[in-house]
Amino acid sequence: MNTPFKLKGDYIALCDLLKTEGIAESGGQGKAFVAEGLVMVDGEIELRKTAKIRAGQVVKCMGQTIIVVKSLG
């Protein structure tokens, strides 16, 4: 399933994005997903738990795809 995420600032930490989108139940679980190599950013496995995710990037984890777009508000 593709889900757009409206980014309000310049970036969001990867573990926070996973928590915000409901893929992870907590920031800690999000960090664990990243550490286990379960998260891909722009088609590459991302191992940095707090990687800065910016508009235009695509994050995949646990069968879900998040498309990060800039919020206009």
N, C-alpha and C. Protein backbone atom coordinates (compact mmCIF):
# COMPACT_ATOMS: atom_id res chain seq x y z
N MET A 1 0.84 -1.17 0.00
CA MET A 1 0.00 0.00 0.00
C MET A 1 0.89 1.25 0.00
N ASN A 2 0.58 2.21 -0.85
CA ASN A 2 1.32 3.47 -0.90
C ASN A 2 0.60 4.51 -0.05
N THR A 3 1.34 5.14 0.83
CA THR A 3 0.79 6.16 1.71
C THR A 3 1.61 7.44 1.56
N PRO A 4 0.95 8.56 1.22
CA PRO A 4 1.70 9.82 1.19
C PRO A 4 1.87 10.35 2.62
N PHE A 5 3.03 10.91 2.91
CA PHE A 5 3.28 11.55 4.20
C PHE A 5 3.61 13.00 3.92
N LYS A 6 2.82 13.91 4.49
CA LYS A 6 3.04 15.34 4.29
C LYS A 6 4.05 15.86 5.29
N LEU A 7 5.22 16.20 4.79
CA LEU A 7 6.33 16.68 5.60
C LEU A 7 6.15 18.17 5.89
N LYS A 8 6.11 18.52 7.18
CA LYS A 8 5.88 19.91 7.56
C LYS A 8 7.16 20.71 7.69
N GLY A 9 8.27 20.07 8.05
CA GLY A 9 9.55 20.76 8.19
C GLY A 9 10.48 20.38 7.05
N ASP A 10 11.77 20.50 7.31
CA ASP A 10 12.76 20.14 6.29
C ASP A 10 12.97 18.64 6.20
N TYR A 11 12.80 17.95 7.34
CA TYR A 11 13.01 16.50 7.36
C TYR A 11 12.33 15.90 8.58
N ILE A 12 12.26 14.56 8.60
CA ILE A 12 11.79 13.81 9.76
C ILE A 12 12.77 12.65 9.94
N ALA A 13 13.07 12.33 11.19
CA ALA A 13 13.95 11.19 11.46
C ALA A 13 13.25 9.91 11.03
N LEU A 14 13.98 8.99 10.46
CA LEU A 14 13.41 7.74 9.95
C LEU A 14 12.60 7.00 11.00
N CYS A 15 13.15 6.83 12.20
CA CYS A 15 12.43 6.09 13.24
C CYS A 15 11.13 6.81 13.62
N ASP A 16 11.13 8.13 13.60
CA ASP A 16 9.91 8.90 13.91
C ASP A 16 8.86 8.74 12.80
N LEU A 17 9.32 8.68 11.56
CA LEU A 17 8.40 8.48 10.44
C LEU A 17 7.70 7.13 10.56
N LEU A 18 8.45 6.09 10.90
CA LEU A 18 7.86 4.76 11.04
C LEU A 18 6.82 4.74 12.15
N LYS A 19 7.09 5.45 13.24
CA LYS A 19 6.14 5.53 14.35
C LYS A 19 4.91 6.35 13.94
N THR A 20 5.13 7.49 13.32
CA THR A 20 4.03 8.38 12.92
C THR A 20 3.07 7.70 11.96
N GLU A 21 3.62 6.91 11.06
CA GLU A 21 2.80 6.24 10.05
C GLU A 21 2.20 4.92 10.55
N GLY A 22 2.47 4.55 11.80
CA GLY A 22 1.86 3.36 12.38
C GLY A 22 2.51 2.05 11.98
N ILE A 23 3.66 2.11 11.31
CA ILE A 23 4.37 0.88 10.96
C ILE A 23 5.02 0.30 12.22
N ALA A 24 5.57 1.19 13.04
CA ALA A 24 6.15 0.79 14.33
C ALA A 24 5.26 1.33 15.44
N GLU A 25 5.13 0.55 16.51
CA GLU A 25 4.31 0.97 17.63
C GLU A 25 4.99 2.03 18.48
N SER A 26 6.31 2.11 18.38
CA SER A 26 7.07 3.09 19.17
C SER A 26 8.33 3.47 18.40
N GLY A 27 8.97 4.54 18.85
CA GLY A 27 10.24 4.92 18.25
C GLY A 27 11.28 3.83 18.41
N GLY A 28 11.25 3.15 19.56
CA GLY A 28 12.18 2.06 19.81
C GLY A 28 11.99 0.91 18.84
N GLN A 29 10.74 0.59 18.56
CA GLN A 29 10.47 -0.48 17.60
C GLN A 29 10.92 -0.05 16.20
N GLY A 30 10.70 1.23 15.88
CA GLY A 30 11.16 1.75 14.60
C GLY A 30 12.66 1.62 14.46
N LYS A 31 13.40 1.95 15.54
CA LYS A 31 14.85 1.82 15.53
C LYS A 31 15.27 0.37 15.35
N ALA A 32 14.52 -0.55 15.96
CA ALA A 32 14.82 -1.97 15.82
C ALA A 32 14.61 -2.44 14.38
N PHE A 33 13.54 -1.98 13.74
CA PHE A 33 13.30 -2.33 12.33
C PHE A 33 14.49 -1.89 11.47
N VAL A 34 14.97 -0.66 11.72
CA VAL A 34 16.10 -0.13 10.95
C VAL A 34 17.35 -0.97 11.22
N ALA A 35 17.62 -1.25 12.48
CA ALA A 35 18.82 -2.02 12.86
C ALA A 35 18.81 -3.42 12.24
N GLU A 36 17.63 -3.99 12.07
CA GLU A 36 17.50 -5.34 11.50
C GLU A 36 17.55 -5.34 9.97
N GLY A 37 17.67 -4.15 9.37
CA GLY A 37 17.75 -4.07 7.92
C GLY A 37 16.42 -4.24 7.22
N LEU A 38 15.33 -3.92 7.92
CA LEU A 38 13.99 -4.11 7.36
C LEU A 38 13.44 -2.88 6.65
N VAL A 39 14.23 -1.79 6.62
CA VAL A 39 13.74 -0.53 6.06
C VAL A 39 14.58 -0.15 4.84
N MET A 40 13.87 0.22 3.78
CA MET A 40 14.55 0.69 2.57
C MET A 40 14.17 2.14 2.32
N VAL A 41 15.16 2.94 1.94
CA VAL A 41 14.93 4.34 1.56
C VAL A 41 15.46 4.49 0.14
N ASP A 42 14.58 4.91 -0.75
CA ASP A 42 14.94 5.07 -2.16
C ASP A 42 15.61 3.82 -2.74
N GLY A 43 15.08 2.65 -2.37
CA GLY A 43 15.54 1.39 -2.93
C GLY A 43 16.79 0.79 -2.30
N GLU A 44 17.33 1.44 -1.27
CA GLU A 44 18.53 0.94 -0.60
C GLU A 44 18.22 0.67 0.88
N ILE A 45 18.80 -0.39 1.44
CA ILE A 45 18.61 -0.66 2.86
C ILE A 45 19.26 0.47 3.66
N GLU A 46 18.50 1.02 4.60
CA GLU A 46 18.97 2.13 5.43
C GLU A 46 19.21 1.62 6.84
N LEU A 47 20.43 1.81 7.34
CA LEU A 47 20.78 1.33 8.68
C LEU A 47 20.96 2.46 9.69
N ARG A 48 20.77 3.70 9.25
CA ARG A 48 20.86 4.84 10.18
C ARG A 48 19.48 5.09 10.77
N LYS A 49 19.34 4.87 12.06
CA LYS A 49 18.04 4.95 12.71
C LYS A 49 17.42 6.34 12.63
N THR A 50 18.25 7.37 12.67
CA THR A 50 17.73 8.73 12.64
C THR A 50 18.07 9.43 11.33
N ALA A 51 18.16 8.66 10.25
CA ALA A 51 18.43 9.25 8.94
C ALA A 51 17.39 10.32 8.66
N LYS A 52 17.84 11.43 8.09
CA LYS A 52 16.93 12.54 7.78
C LYS A 52 16.18 12.23 6.49
N ILE A 53 14.88 12.04 6.61
CA ILE A 53 14.04 11.74 5.46
C ILE A 53 13.41 13.04 4.98
N ARG A 54 13.61 13.34 3.71
CA ARG A 54 13.17 14.61 3.14
C ARG A 54 12.12 14.38 2.05
N ALA A 55 11.45 15.46 1.66
CA ALA A 55 10.44 15.38 0.59
C ALA A 55 11.05 14.77 -0.66
N GLY A 56 10.29 13.92 -1.31
CA GLY A 56 10.75 13.27 -2.53
C GLY A 56 11.30 11.87 -2.30
N GLN A 57 11.52 11.51 -1.04
CA GLN A 57 12.06 10.18 -0.76
C GLN A 57 10.94 9.17 -0.57
N VAL A 58 11.27 7.91 -0.81
CA VAL A 58 10.32 6.81 -0.67
C VAL A 58 10.88 5.82 0.35
N VAL A 59 10.06 5.50 1.36
CA VAL A 59 10.47 4.60 2.43
C VAL A 59 9.60 3.34 2.37
N LYS A 60 10.23 2.18 2.42
CA LYS A 60 9.49 0.91 2.41
C LYS A 60 9.85 0.11 3.65
N CYS A 61 8.81 -0.42 4.31
CA CYS A 61 9.02 -1.24 5.50
C CYS A 61 7.78 -2.08 5.76
N MET A 62 7.98 -3.33 6.07
CA MET A 62 6.89 -4.23 6.46
C MET A 62 5.74 -4.25 5.43
N GLY A 63 6.10 -4.22 4.16
CA GLY A 63 5.10 -4.28 3.09
C GLY A 63 4.38 -2.97 2.82
N GLN A 64 4.78 -1.91 3.48
CA GLN A 64 4.15 -0.61 3.26
C GLN A 64 5.14 0.35 2.60
N THR A 65 4.62 1.23 1.77
CA THR A 65 5.43 2.22 1.09
C THR A 65 4.95 3.61 1.48
N ILE A 66 5.87 4.44 1.94
CA ILE A 66 5.56 5.81 2.33
C ILE A 66 6.24 6.74 1.33
N ILE A 67 5.44 7.59 0.69
CA ILE A 67 5.98 8.57 -0.23
C ILE A 67 5.96 9.91 0.47
N VAL A 68 7.13 10.49 0.70
CA VAL A 68 7.25 11.72 1.46
C VAL A 68 7.08 12.92 0.52
N VAL A 69 6.09 13.75 0.82
CA VAL A 69 5.81 14.94 0.01
C VAL A 69 5.85 16.17 0.90
N LYS A 70 6.19 17.30 0.34
CA LYS A 70 6.26 18.56 1.07
C LYS A 70 4.85 19.05 1.35
N SER A 71 4.57 19.39 2.60
CA SER A 71 3.27 19.95 2.97
C SER A 71 3.19 21.38 2.46
N LEU A 72 2.07 21.74 1.92
CA LEU A 72 1.90 23.10 1.41
C LEU A 72 1.42 24.06 2.49
N GLY A 73 1.08 23.50 3.66
CA GLY A 73 0.53 24.33 4.73
C GLY A 73 1.46 24.82 5.69
